[in-house]
Amino acid sequence: MPEIDVYACFYDLVRQIPRGRVSTYGALARALGDVRAARAAGEMLAENPDPKRIPCHRVVRSDGTLGGFTHPEGLKEKIRRLREEGVEVRNGRIVDFESVVFEDFRTSYPLRALREEQLSLRSLVKLEDRPFDVVVGVDVAYAGRDAFGVGVAMNLRGKVLEIHVVRKRVSIPYIPTYLAFREEPVVRGIIEHFGKDAVYMLDGNGVLHPYRMGLATCVGVKNRVATIGVAKSLLCGTVKDGVVYLEGEPVGVEMRGRGKPIYVSPGHLITLKTAAEITLKLRKYRVPEPTRLAHLEAKAFRERELRRRPQWSTHPAF
């Protein structure tokens, strides 16, 4: 399936809002195909790449209040533009909101297509072991839409063998349960460098996921590599005696130590037992060394880029 540019789809929806009308974050999220994208809608509006052609001032909250501003000048500009188009605003709220709200979007519901792909991949998941002697920890840091993916290759004794960095512009914002589609293209570049014989440890979930298709599982299936998911919070399921169950099936383990626990689950081409053993073997602190070091490297690389290009920032909404 070709990569879907959710940003482009979203900005096309905003351009459909007629002059003199407004729409809401929730309506735009539903037009994308999932109401969980409402928060991402606000973030994409804040990153508006073409304020003259993408009328983000026409997007308001579902109760008719304007919202979305931390600076009073931005709010004043939004009110000015709406009034210029004939939309009456009083005390920070659209007057007669129901008469001007627009929801009749022409849309292909791109998030529904991604969900269908996610579910279709589920039948390809294999939780079985195969031999390997290298673990590659992976993490991704962001500066706007620019992603910096770092892979840290280690042997099973914990020695760092190599570090590789991939930079890519992402086409999907962060939306709960769609993280795999945001980060998989970045991780793919790391896999192309290190090859398919390693096991990849990712900052996210494997089959410990509402659709049994977290980041680690999606990456594993789409790239035919062994993967382990290591998450810092429990996305779903019930913990009993250190094992995480989903619909009665063991899908992960809770690892405790100093600080908060982590949640380990197999992604693809590895069993829960082996995923847990490897994570425990390579764990010095709360997070296992492969992903901990990858996180530090990704963050450092991002900061170096920001210092090198201090003008790098998201576009203003107006």
C-alpha atoms as a PDB file:
ATOM      1  CA  MET A   1       0.000   0.000   0.000  1.00  0.00           C
ATOM      2  CA  PRO A   2       1.459   3.424  -0.948  1.00  0.00           C
ATOM      3  CA  GLU A   3       2.383   5.721   1.932  1.00  0.00           C
ATOM      4  CA  ILE A   4      -0.512   8.027   2.842  1.00  0.00           C
ATOM      5  CA  ASP A   5       0.284  11.675   3.510  1.00  0.00           C
ATOM      6  CA  VAL A   6      -2.163  12.492   6.299  1.00  0.00           C
ATOM      7  CA  TYR A   7      -0.861  16.068   6.496  1.00  0.00           C
ATOM      8  CA  ALA A   8      -1.776  16.685   2.849  1.00  0.00           C
ATOM      9  CA  CYS A   9      -5.200  15.092   3.331  1.00  0.00           C
ATOM     10  CA  PHE A  10      -5.829  17.235   6.399  1.00  0.00           C
ATOM     11  CA  TYR A  11      -4.868  20.529   4.765  1.00  0.00           C
ATOM     12  CA  ASP A  12      -7.107  19.652   1.813  1.00  0.00           C
ATOM     13  CA  LEU A  13     -10.003  19.253   4.251  1.00  0.00           C
ATOM     14  CA  VAL A  14      -9.311  22.643   5.856  1.00  0.00           C
ATOM     15  CA  ARG A  15      -9.277  24.274   2.416  1.00  0.00           C
ATOM     16  CA  GLN A  16     -12.806  22.915   1.868  1.00  0.00           C
ATOM     17  CA  ILE A  17     -14.276  25.034   4.685  1.00  0.00           C
ATOM     18  CA  PRO A  18     -16.148  27.827   2.850  1.00  0.00           C
ATOM     19  CA  ARG A  19     -15.672  31.503   3.517  1.00  0.00           C
ATOM     20  CA  GLY A  20     -18.118  32.633   6.193  1.00  0.00           C
ATOM     21  CA  ARG A  21     -18.289  29.144   7.738  1.00  0.00           C
ATOM     22  CA  VAL A  22     -16.336  27.328  10.459  1.00  0.00           C
ATOM     23  CA  SER A  23     -15.636  23.735  11.349  1.00  0.00           C
ATOM     24  CA  THR A  24     -14.259  21.932  14.403  1.00  0.00           C
ATOM     25  CA  TYR A  25     -11.250  19.836  15.375  1.00  0.00           C
ATOM     26  CA  GLY A  26     -13.559  16.873  15.932  1.00  0.00           C
ATOM     27  CA  ALA A  27     -15.254  17.234  12.553  1.00  0.00           C
ATOM     28  CA  LEU A  28     -11.893  17.319  10.807  1.00  0.00           C
ATOM     29  CA  ALA A  29     -10.773  14.250  12.770  1.00  0.00           C
ATOM     30  CA  ARG A  30     -13.905  12.368  11.725  1.00  0.00           C
ATOM     31  CA  ALA A  31     -13.289  13.390   8.118  1.00  0.00           C
ATOM     32  CA  LEU A  32      -9.802  11.896   8.429  1.00  0.00           C
ATOM     33  CA  GLY A  33     -11.460   8.708   9.620  1.00  0.00           C
ATOM     34  CA  ASP A  34     -10.959   8.616  13.404  1.00  0.00           C
ATOM     35  CA  VAL A  35     -12.047  11.012  16.137  1.00  0.00           C
ATOM     36  CA  ARG A  36      -8.796  10.192  17.972  1.00  0.00           C
ATOM     37  CA  ALA A  37      -7.091  12.532  15.501  1.00  0.00           C
ATOM     38  CA  ALA A  38      -8.720  15.630  17.048  1.00  0.00           C
ATOM     39  CA  ARG A  39      -5.632  16.559  19.062  1.00  0.00           C
ATOM     40  CA  ALA A  40      -3.412  15.980  16.038  1.00  0.00           C
ATOM     41  CA  ALA A  41      -5.704  18.299  14.067  1.00  0.00           C
ATOM     42  CA  GLY A  42      -4.776  21.133  16.407  1.00  0.00           C
ATOM     43  CA  GLU A  43      -1.083  20.351  16.038  1.00  0.00           C
ATOM     44  CA  MET A  44      -1.301  20.250  12.234  1.00  0.00           C
ATOM     45  CA  LEU A  45      -3.083  23.610  12.242  1.00  0.00           C
ATOM     46  CA  ALA A  46      -0.237  25.048  14.320  1.00  0.00           C
ATOM     47  CA  GLU A  47       2.209  23.798  11.667  1.00  0.00           C
ATOM     48  CA  ASN A  48       0.211  25.332   8.799  1.00  0.00           C
ATOM     49  CA  PRO A  49       2.707  25.449   5.886  1.00  0.00           C
ATOM     50  CA  ASP A  50       0.685  27.909   3.791  1.00  0.00           C
ATOM     51  CA  PRO A  51      -1.394  30.324   5.912  1.00  0.00           C
ATOM     52  CA  LYS A  52      -2.587  32.261   2.858  1.00  0.00           C
ATOM     53  CA  ARG A  53      -4.209  29.214   1.253  1.00  0.00           C
ATOM     54  CA  ILE A  54      -5.058  27.046   4.279  1.00  0.00           C
ATOM     55  CA  PRO A  55      -7.684  28.948   6.332  1.00  0.00           C
ATOM     56  CA  CYS A  56      -6.994  27.526   9.778  1.00  0.00           C
ATOM     57  CA  HIS A  57      -8.773  30.513  11.354  1.00  0.00           C
ATOM     58  CA  ARG A  58     -12.009  28.769  10.319  1.00  0.00           C
ATOM     59  CA  VAL A  59     -11.427  25.907  12.755  1.00  0.00           C
ATOM     60  CA  VAL A  60     -12.887  26.266  16.262  1.00  0.00           C
ATOM     61  CA  ARG A  61     -13.866  24.101  19.206  1.00  0.00           C
ATOM     62  CA  SER A  62     -17.034  22.013  19.186  1.00  0.00           C
ATOM     63  CA  ASP A  63     -18.761  24.433  21.589  1.00  0.00           C
ATOM     64  CA  GLY A  64     -18.135  27.391  19.287  1.00  0.00           C
ATOM     65  CA  THR A  65     -15.301  28.901  21.324  1.00  0.00           C
ATOM     66  CA  LEU A  66     -12.197  29.856  19.401  1.00  0.00           C
ATOM     67  CA  GLY A  67      -9.480  28.335  21.595  1.00  0.00           C
ATOM     68  CA  GLY A  68      -6.090  27.086  20.465  1.00  0.00           C
ATOM     69  CA  PHE A  69      -4.029  30.182  21.329  1.00  0.00           C
ATOM     70  CA  THR A  70      -1.396  30.962  23.905  1.00  0.00           C
ATOM     71  CA  HIS A  71      -0.695  34.449  22.538  1.00  0.00           C
ATOM     72  CA  PRO A  72      -3.400  37.157  22.557  1.00  0.00           C
ATOM     73  CA  GLU A  73      -2.287  38.536  19.184  1.00  0.00           C
ATOM     74  CA  GLY A  74      -3.118  35.208  17.522  1.00  0.00           C
ATOM     75  CA  LEU A  75      -6.608  35.270  18.989  1.00  0.00           C
ATOM     76  CA  LYS A  76      -7.156  38.859  17.862  1.00  0.00           C
ATOM     77  CA  GLU A  77      -6.097  37.965  14.321  1.00  0.00           C
ATOM     78  CA  LYS A  78      -8.430  34.981  14.232  1.00  0.00           C
ATOM     79  CA  ILE A  79     -11.366  37.126  15.378  1.00  0.00           C
ATOM     80  CA  ARG A  80     -10.507  39.795  12.811  1.00  0.00           C
ATOM     81  CA  ARG A  81     -10.441  37.302   9.951  1.00  0.00           C
ATOM     82  CA  LEU A  82     -13.674  35.620  10.972  1.00  0.00           C
ATOM     83  CA  ARG A  83     -15.498  38.950  11.281  1.00  0.00           C
ATOM     84  CA  GLU A  84     -14.086  40.021   7.926  1.00  0.00           C
ATOM     85  CA  GLU A  85     -15.774  36.928   6.447  1.00  0.00           C
ATOM     86  CA  GLY A  86     -19.091  37.711   8.121  1.00  0.00           C
ATOM     87  CA  VAL A  87     -18.801  35.326  11.093  1.00  0.00           C
ATOM     88  CA  GLU A  88     -19.942  37.099  14.249  1.00  0.00           C
ATOM     89  CA  VAL A  89     -17.768  36.573  17.336  1.00  0.00           C
ATOM     90  CA  ARG A  90     -18.681  37.723  20.823  1.00  0.00           C
ATOM     91  CA  ASN A  91     -16.707  37.068  24.020  1.00  0.00           C
ATOM     92  CA  GLY A  92     -14.470  34.553  22.279  1.00  0.00           C
ATOM     93  CA  ARG A  93     -17.378  32.481  20.935  1.00  0.00           C
ATOM     94  CA  ILE A  94     -19.088  32.150  17.542  1.00  0.00           C
ATOM     95  CA  VAL A  95     -22.547  33.705  17.668  1.00  0.00           C
ATOM     96  CA  ASP A  96     -25.265  31.387  16.298  1.00  0.00           C
ATOM     97  CA  PHE A  97     -22.628  28.653  15.935  1.00  0.00           C
ATOM     98  CA  GLU A  98     -24.984  25.968  14.577  1.00  0.00           C
ATOM     99  CA  SER A  99     -25.913  28.090  11.559  1.00  0.00           C
ATOM    100  CA  VAL A 100     -22.306  28.510  10.358  1.00  0.00           C
ATOM    101  CA  VAL A 101     -20.710  25.167  11.267  1.00  0.00           C
ATOM    102  CA  PHE A 102     -19.503  23.117   8.273  1.00  0.00           C
ATOM    103  CA  GLU A 103     -19.004  19.339   8.266  1.00  0.00           C
ATOM    104  CA  ASP A 104     -19.840  18.327   4.699  1.00  0.00           C
ATOM    105  CA  PHE A 105     -16.304  17.316   3.728  1.00  0.00           C
ATOM    106  CA  ARG A 106     -15.335  15.413   0.604  1.00  0.00           C
ATOM    107  CA  THR A 107     -12.955  12.797   1.969  1.00  0.00           C
ATOM    108  CA  SER A 108     -11.420   9.386   1.370  1.00  0.00           C
ATOM    109  CA  TYR A 109     -11.072   8.791   5.150  1.00  0.00           C
ATOM    110  CA  PRO A 110      -7.326   8.062   5.039  1.00  0.00           C
ATOM    111  CA  LEU A 111      -7.125   6.814   8.625  1.00  0.00           C
ATOM    112  CA  ARG A 112      -9.686   4.143   7.855  1.00  0.00           C
ATOM    113  CA  ALA A 113      -7.426   2.897   5.076  1.00  0.00           C
ATOM    114  CA  LEU A 114      -4.506   2.758   7.515  1.00  0.00           C
ATOM    115  CA  ARG A 115      -6.608   0.846  10.041  1.00  0.00           C
ATOM    116  CA  GLU A 116      -7.632  -1.646   7.370  1.00  0.00           C
ATOM    117  CA  GLU A 117      -3.984  -2.165   6.462  1.00  0.00           C
ATOM    118  CA  GLN A 118      -3.110  -2.605  10.134  1.00  0.00           C
ATOM    119  CA  LEU A 119      -5.765  -5.290  10.568  1.00  0.00           C
ATOM    120  CA  SER A 120      -4.789  -7.070   7.357  1.00  0.00           C
ATOM    121  CA  LEU A 121      -1.174  -7.351   8.560  1.00  0.00           C
ATOM    122  CA  ARG A 122      -2.262  -8.980  11.814  1.00  0.00           C
ATOM    123  CA  SER A 123      -2.695 -12.395  10.194  1.00  0.00           C
ATOM    124  CA  LEU A 124       1.006 -12.368   9.183  1.00  0.00           C
ATOM    125  CA  VAL A 125       2.376 -12.070  12.740  1.00  0.00           C
ATOM    126  CA  LYS A 126       4.575 -14.982  13.843  1.00  0.00           C
ATOM    127  CA  LEU A 127       5.700 -15.276  17.444  1.00  0.00           C
ATOM    128  CA  GLU A 128       8.467 -17.827  17.014  1.00  0.00           C
ATOM    129  CA  ASP A 129      12.194 -17.629  17.690  1.00  0.00           C
ATOM    130  CA  ARG A 130      15.028 -17.584  15.214  1.00  0.00           C
ATOM    131  CA  PRO A 131      18.793 -17.283  15.829  1.00  0.00           C
ATOM    132  CA  PHE A 132      20.507 -13.876  16.084  1.00  0.00           C
ATOM    133  CA  ASP A 133      23.434 -12.354  17.968  1.00  0.00           C
ATOM    134  CA  VAL A 134      22.886  -8.617  17.430  1.00  0.00           C
ATOM    135  CA  VAL A 135      20.225  -6.391  18.987  1.00  0.00           C
ATOM    136  CA  VAL A 136      19.535  -2.994  17.429  1.00  0.00           C
ATOM    137  CA  GLY A 137      17.860  -0.477  19.707  1.00  0.00           C
ATOM    138  CA  VAL A 138      15.803   2.095  17.825  1.00  0.00           C
ATOM    139  CA  ASP A 139      14.379   5.466  18.825  1.00  0.00           C
ATOM    140  CA  VAL A 140      13.064   8.486  16.922  1.00  0.00           C
ATOM    141  CA  ALA A 141      13.244  12.181  17.863  1.00  0.00           C
ATOM    142  CA  TYR A 142      11.387  14.989  16.102  1.00  0.00           C
ATOM    143  CA  ALA A 143      11.856  18.595  15.114  1.00  0.00           C
ATOM    144  CA  GLY A 144       8.525  19.523  13.598  1.00  0.00           C
ATOM    145  CA  ARG A 145       7.904  17.037  10.811  1.00  0.00           C
ATOM    146  CA  ASP A 146      11.573  16.076  10.538  1.00  0.00           C
ATOM    147  CA  ALA A 147      12.316  12.746  12.206  1.00  0.00           C
ATOM    148  CA  PHE A 148      15.740  11.562  13.353  1.00  0.00           C
ATOM    149  CA  GLY A 149      15.846   7.806  13.756  1.00  0.00           C
ATOM    150  CA  VAL A 150      18.828   6.238  15.501  1.00  0.00           C
ATOM    151  CA  GLY A 151      19.818   2.574  15.558  1.00  0.00           C
ATOM    152  CA  VAL A 152      22.326   1.373  18.166  1.00  0.00           C
ATOM    153  CA  ALA A 153      23.647  -2.132  17.402  1.00  0.00           C
ATOM    154  CA  MET A 154      24.850  -4.178  20.395  1.00  0.00           C
ATOM    155  CA  ASN A 155      25.943  -7.742  20.914  1.00  0.00           C
ATOM    156  CA  LEU A 156      24.317  -9.870  23.616  1.00  0.00           C
ATOM    157  CA  ARG A 157      27.091  -8.930  26.050  1.00  0.00           C
ATOM    158  CA  GLY A 158      26.063  -5.280  25.829  1.00  0.00           C
ATOM    159  CA  LYS A 159      28.940  -3.991  23.691  1.00  0.00           C
ATOM    160  CA  VAL A 160      28.011  -1.224  21.256  1.00  0.00           C
ATOM    161  CA  LEU A 161      29.000  -2.238  17.724  1.00  0.00           C
ATOM    162  CA  GLU A 162      27.720   0.625  15.580  1.00  0.00           C
ATOM    163  CA  ILE A 163      25.400   3.651  15.590  1.00  0.00           C
ATOM    164  CA  HIS A 164      23.469   4.725  12.508  1.00  0.00           C
ATOM    165  CA  VAL A 165      21.243   7.779  11.983  1.00  0.00           C
ATOM    166  CA  VAL A 166      18.377   8.179   9.508  1.00  0.00           C
ATOM    167  CA  ARG A 167      16.635  11.472   8.795  1.00  0.00           C
ATOM    168  CA  LYS A 168      13.210  11.572   7.150  1.00  0.00           C
ATOM    169  CA  ARG A 169      10.244  13.913   6.846  1.00  0.00           C
ATOM    170  CA  VAL A 170       7.181  12.160   8.271  1.00  0.00           C
ATOM    171  CA  SER A 171       3.792  12.123   6.554  1.00  0.00           C
ATOM    172  CA  ILE A 172       1.624  11.316   9.586  1.00  0.00           C
ATOM    173  CA  PRO A 173       1.310  13.219  12.898  1.00  0.00           C
ATOM    174  CA  TYR A 174       1.179  11.387  16.198  1.00  0.00           C
ATOM    175  CA  ILE A 175      -2.287   9.839  16.596  1.00  0.00           C
ATOM    176  CA  PRO A 176      -2.956   7.216  19.296  1.00  0.00           C
ATOM    177  CA  THR A 177      -2.825   3.633  17.878  1.00  0.00           C
ATOM    178  CA  TYR A 178      -1.337   4.906  14.567  1.00  0.00           C
ATOM    179  CA  LEU A 179       2.242   5.404  15.800  1.00  0.00           C
ATOM    180  CA  ALA A 180       3.475   2.527  13.634  1.00  0.00           C
ATOM    181  CA  PHE A 181       2.535   4.329  10.441  1.00  0.00           C
ATOM    182  CA  ARG A 182       4.343   7.470  11.588  1.00  0.00           C
ATOM    183  CA  GLU A 183       7.614   5.780  12.547  1.00  0.00           C
ATOM    184  CA  GLU A 184       7.868   2.654  10.378  1.00  0.00           C
ATOM    185  CA  PRO A 185       9.229   4.522   7.317  1.00  0.00           C
ATOM    186  CA  VAL A 186      11.972   5.987   9.547  1.00  0.00           C
ATOM    187  CA  VAL A 187      12.825   2.640  11.132  1.00  0.00           C
ATOM    188  CA  ARG A 188      12.884   1.034   7.690  1.00  0.00           C
ATOM    189  CA  GLY A 189      15.965   3.089   6.848  1.00  0.00           C
ATOM    190  CA  ILE A 190      17.729   1.710   9.928  1.00  0.00           C
ATOM    191  CA  ILE A 191      16.797  -1.859   8.985  1.00  0.00           C
ATOM    192  CA  GLU A 192      18.116  -1.321   5.456  1.00  0.00           C
ATOM    193  CA  HIS A 193      21.459  -0.376   7.020  1.00  0.00           C
ATOM    194  CA  PHE A 194      21.825  -3.152   9.613  1.00  0.00           C
ATOM    195  CA  GLY A 195      20.059  -5.939   7.716  1.00  0.00           C
ATOM    196  CA  LYS A 196      17.452  -8.545   8.561  1.00  0.00           C
ATOM    197  CA  ASP A 197      19.535 -10.877  10.754  1.00  0.00           C
ATOM    198  CA  ALA A 198      19.362  -8.673  13.871  1.00  0.00           C
ATOM    199  CA  VAL A 199      16.493  -8.327  16.328  1.00  0.00           C
ATOM    200  CA  TYR A 200      15.170  -4.764  16.563  1.00  0.00           C
ATOM    201  CA  MET A 201      14.137  -3.343  19.944  1.00  0.00           C
ATOM    202  CA  LEU A 202      11.748  -0.403  19.656  1.00  0.00           C
ATOM    203  CA  ASP A 203      10.328   2.227  21.983  1.00  0.00           C
ATOM    204  CA  GLY A 204       6.703   1.133  21.692  1.00  0.00           C
ATOM    205  CA  ASN A 205       4.476  -1.927  21.841  1.00  0.00           C
ATOM    206  CA  GLY A 206       4.436  -5.194  19.955  1.00  0.00           C
ATOM    207  CA  VAL A 207       1.339  -7.373  20.258  1.00  0.00           C
ATOM    208  CA  LEU A 208       0.493  -5.606  23.529  1.00  0.00           C
ATOM    209  CA  HIS A 209      -1.814  -3.329  21.591  1.00  0.00           C
ATOM    210  CA  PRO A 210      -5.610  -2.960  21.148  1.00  0.00           C
ATOM    211  CA  TYR A 211      -5.272  -4.305  17.591  1.00  0.00           C
ATOM    212  CA  ARG A 212      -2.276  -6.606  18.368  1.00  0.00           C
ATOM    213  CA  MET A 213      -0.325  -4.422  15.908  1.00  0.00           C
ATOM    214  CA  GLY A 214       1.836  -1.947  17.801  1.00  0.00           C
ATOM    215  CA  LEU A 215       4.908  -0.243  16.395  1.00  0.00           C
ATOM    216  CA  ALA A 216       7.226  -3.225  16.904  1.00  0.00           C
ATOM    217  CA  THR A 217       4.797  -5.670  15.313  1.00  0.00           C
ATOM    218  CA  CYS A 218       4.068  -3.445  12.315  1.00  0.00           C
ATOM    219  CA  VAL A 219       7.787  -2.835  11.730  1.00  0.00           C
ATOM    220  CA  GLY A 220       8.531  -6.539  12.046  1.00  0.00           C
ATOM    221  CA  VAL A 221       5.818  -7.746   9.693  1.00  0.00           C
ATOM    222  CA  LYS A 222       6.342  -5.071   7.030  1.00  0.00           C
ATOM    223  CA  ASN A 223      10.114  -5.576   7.002  1.00  0.00           C
ATOM    224  CA  ARG A 224      10.244  -9.303   7.849  1.00  0.00           C
ATOM    225  CA  VAL A 225      12.534  -8.851  10.833  1.00  0.00           C
ATOM    226  CA  ALA A 226      12.441  -9.920  14.481  1.00  0.00           C
ATOM    227  CA  THR A 227      11.242  -7.143  16.779  1.00  0.00           C
ATOM    228  CA  ILE A 228      10.656  -6.446  20.479  1.00  0.00           C
ATOM    229  CA  GLY A 229       8.453  -3.692  21.864  1.00  0.00           C
ATOM    230  CA  VAL A 230       9.490  -1.894  25.064  1.00  0.00           C
ATOM    231  CA  ALA A 231       6.899   0.607  26.311  1.00  0.00           C
ATOM    232  CA  LYS A 232       7.096   2.963  29.289  1.00  0.00           C
ATOM    233  CA  SER A 233       3.375   2.811  30.051  1.00  0.00           C
ATOM    234  CA  LEU A 234       0.626   0.208  29.856  1.00  0.00           C
ATOM    235  CA  LEU A 235      -1.489   0.879  26.776  1.00  0.00           C
ATOM    236  CA  CYS A 236      -4.025  -1.867  27.420  1.00  0.00           C
ATOM    237  CA  GLY A 237      -4.462  -5.243  29.096  1.00  0.00           C
ATOM    238  CA  THR A 238      -4.383  -6.473  32.679  1.00  0.00           C
ATOM    239  CA  VAL A 239      -1.273  -7.299  34.710  1.00  0.00           C
ATOM    240  CA  LYS A 240      -1.231 -10.410  36.886  1.00  0.00           C
ATOM    241  CA  ASP A 241       1.936 -11.724  38.539  1.00  0.00           C
ATOM    242  CA  GLY A 242       4.093  -9.679  36.160  1.00  0.00           C
ATOM    243  CA  VAL A 243       2.387 -10.936  32.990  1.00  0.00           C
ATOM    244  CA  VAL A 244       0.194  -8.699  30.833  1.00  0.00           C
ATOM    245  CA  TYR A 245      -2.964 -10.366  29.532  1.00  0.00           C
ATOM    246  CA  LEU A 246      -5.201  -9.174  26.720  1.00  0.00           C
ATOM    247  CA  GLU A 247      -8.489 -11.021  26.299  1.00  0.00           C
ATOM    248  CA  GLY A 248      -7.076 -13.794  28.487  1.00  0.00           C
ATOM    249  CA  GLU A 249      -3.914 -14.253  26.400  1.00  0.00           C
ATOM    250  CA  PRO A 250      -0.396 -13.421  27.693  1.00  0.00           C
ATOM    251  CA  VAL A 251       0.963 -10.687  25.399  1.00  0.00           C
ATOM    252  CA  GLY A 252       3.647  -8.990  27.482  1.00  0.00           C
ATOM    253  CA  VAL A 253       5.516  -8.780  30.767  1.00  0.00           C
ATOM    254  CA  GLU A 254       5.786  -6.000  33.312  1.00  0.00           C
ATOM    255  CA  MET A 255       9.395  -5.440  34.395  1.00  0.00           C
ATOM    256  CA  ARG A 256       9.963  -3.633  37.641  1.00  0.00           C
ATOM    257  CA  GLY A 257      13.113  -2.221  39.162  1.00  0.00           C
ATOM    258  CA  ARG A 258      14.184   1.267  40.103  1.00  0.00           C
ATOM    259  CA  GLY A 259      11.490   3.732  39.162  1.00  0.00           C
ATOM    260  CA  LYS A 260       8.391   3.001  37.127  1.00  0.00           C
ATOM    261  CA  PRO A 261       7.928  -0.353  35.356  1.00  0.00           C
ATOM    262  CA  ILE A 262       8.326  -1.010  31.644  1.00  0.00           C
ATOM    263  CA  TYR A 263       6.196  -3.284  29.479  1.00  0.00           C
ATOM    264  CA  VAL A 264       7.873  -5.729  27.103  1.00  0.00           C
ATOM    265  CA  SER A 265       6.044  -7.547  24.329  1.00  0.00           C
ATOM    266  CA  PRO A 266       7.085  -9.556  21.267  1.00  0.00           C
ATOM    267  CA  GLY A 267       6.638  -7.839  17.939  1.00  0.00           C
ATOM    268  CA  HIS A 268       7.346 -10.424  15.248  1.00  0.00           C
ATOM    269  CA  LEU A 269       9.558 -13.497  14.761  1.00  0.00           C
ATOM    270  CA  ILE A 270      10.278 -13.829  18.484  1.00  0.00           C
ATOM    271  CA  THR A 271       8.499 -15.345  21.479  1.00  0.00           C
ATOM    272  CA  LEU A 272       7.410 -13.527  24.619  1.00  0.00           C
ATOM    273  CA  LYS A 273       9.879 -15.582  26.668  1.00  0.00           C
ATOM    274  CA  THR A 274      12.866 -14.673  24.483  1.00  0.00           C
ATOM    275  CA  ALA A 275      11.829 -11.017  24.213  1.00  0.00           C
ATOM    276  CA  ALA A 276      11.707 -10.795  28.004  1.00  0.00           C
ATOM    277  CA  GLU A 277      15.043 -12.617  28.453  1.00  0.00           C
ATOM    278  CA  ILE A 278      16.877 -10.334  26.011  1.00  0.00           C
ATOM    279  CA  THR A 279      15.398  -7.185  27.554  1.00  0.00           C
ATOM    280  CA  LEU A 280      16.353  -8.308  31.054  1.00  0.00           C
ATOM    281  CA  LYS A 281      19.859  -9.278  29.917  1.00  0.00           C
ATOM    282  CA  LEU A 282      20.520  -5.843  28.388  1.00  0.00           C
ATOM    283  CA  ARG A 283      18.873  -3.795  31.130  1.00  0.00           C
ATOM    284  CA  LYS A 284      21.014  -1.689  33.470  1.00  0.00           C
ATOM    285  CA  TYR A 285      18.530   1.036  34.298  1.00  0.00           C
ATOM    286  CA  ARG A 286      14.783   1.340  33.807  1.00  0.00           C
ATOM    287  CA  VAL A 287      14.975   1.139  29.986  1.00  0.00           C
ATOM    288  CA  PRO A 288      17.180  -1.522  28.328  1.00  0.00           C
ATOM    289  CA  GLU A 289      20.502  -0.265  26.987  1.00  0.00           C
ATOM    290  CA  PRO A 290      19.770  -0.566  23.239  1.00  0.00           C
ATOM    291  CA  THR A 291      16.739   1.730  23.335  1.00  0.00           C
ATOM    292  CA  ARG A 292      18.133   3.925  26.126  1.00  0.00           C
ATOM    293  CA  LEU A 293      21.263   4.708  24.115  1.00  0.00           C
ATOM    294  CA  ALA A 294      19.254   5.124  20.912  1.00  0.00           C
ATOM    295  CA  HIS A 295      17.036   7.648  22.711  1.00  0.00           C
ATOM    296  CA  LEU A 296      20.031   9.633  23.963  1.00  0.00           C
ATOM    297  CA  GLU A 297      21.645   9.654  20.527  1.00  0.00           C
ATOM    298  CA  ALA A 298      18.429  10.661  18.761  1.00  0.00           C
ATOM    299  CA  LYS A 299      17.837  13.488  21.228  1.00  0.00           C
ATOM    300  CA  ALA A 300      21.448  14.699  20.908  1.00  0.00           C
ATOM    301  CA  PHE A 301      21.314  14.593  17.125  1.00  0.00           C
ATOM    302  CA  ARG A 302      18.076  16.575  17.122  1.00  0.00           C
ATOM    303  CA  GLU A 303      19.555  19.201  19.440  1.00  0.00           C
ATOM    304  CA  ARG A 304      22.655  19.546  17.253  1.00  0.00           C
ATOM    305  CA  GLU A 305      20.469  20.109  14.218  1.00  0.00           C
ATOM    306  CA  LEU A 306      18.392  22.715  16.050  1.00  0.00           C
ATOM    307  CA  ARG A 307      21.536  24.584  17.102  1.00  0.00           C
ATOM    308  CA  ARG A 308      22.870  24.427  13.565  1.00  0.00           C
ATOM    309  CA  ARG A 309      19.591  25.780  12.190  1.00  0.00           C
ATOM    310  CA  PRO A 310      18.174  28.052  14.906  1.00  0.00           C
ATOM    311  CA  GLN A 311      15.534  29.370  12.527  1.00  0.00           C
ATOM    312  CA  TRP A 312      14.044  25.896  12.315  1.00  0.00           C
ATOM    313  CA  SER A 313      10.594  26.034  13.848  1.00  0.00           C
ATOM    314  CA  THR A 314       7.017  25.216  12.966  1.00  0.00           C
ATOM    315  CA  HIS A 315       5.156  27.660  10.773  1.00  0.00           C
ATOM    316  CA  PRO A 316       2.877  30.101  12.590  1.00  0.00           C
ATOM    317  CA  ALA A 317      -0.836  29.449  12.248  1.00  0.00           C
ATOM    318  CA  PHE A 318      -1.408  32.932  10.762  1.00  0.00           C
END
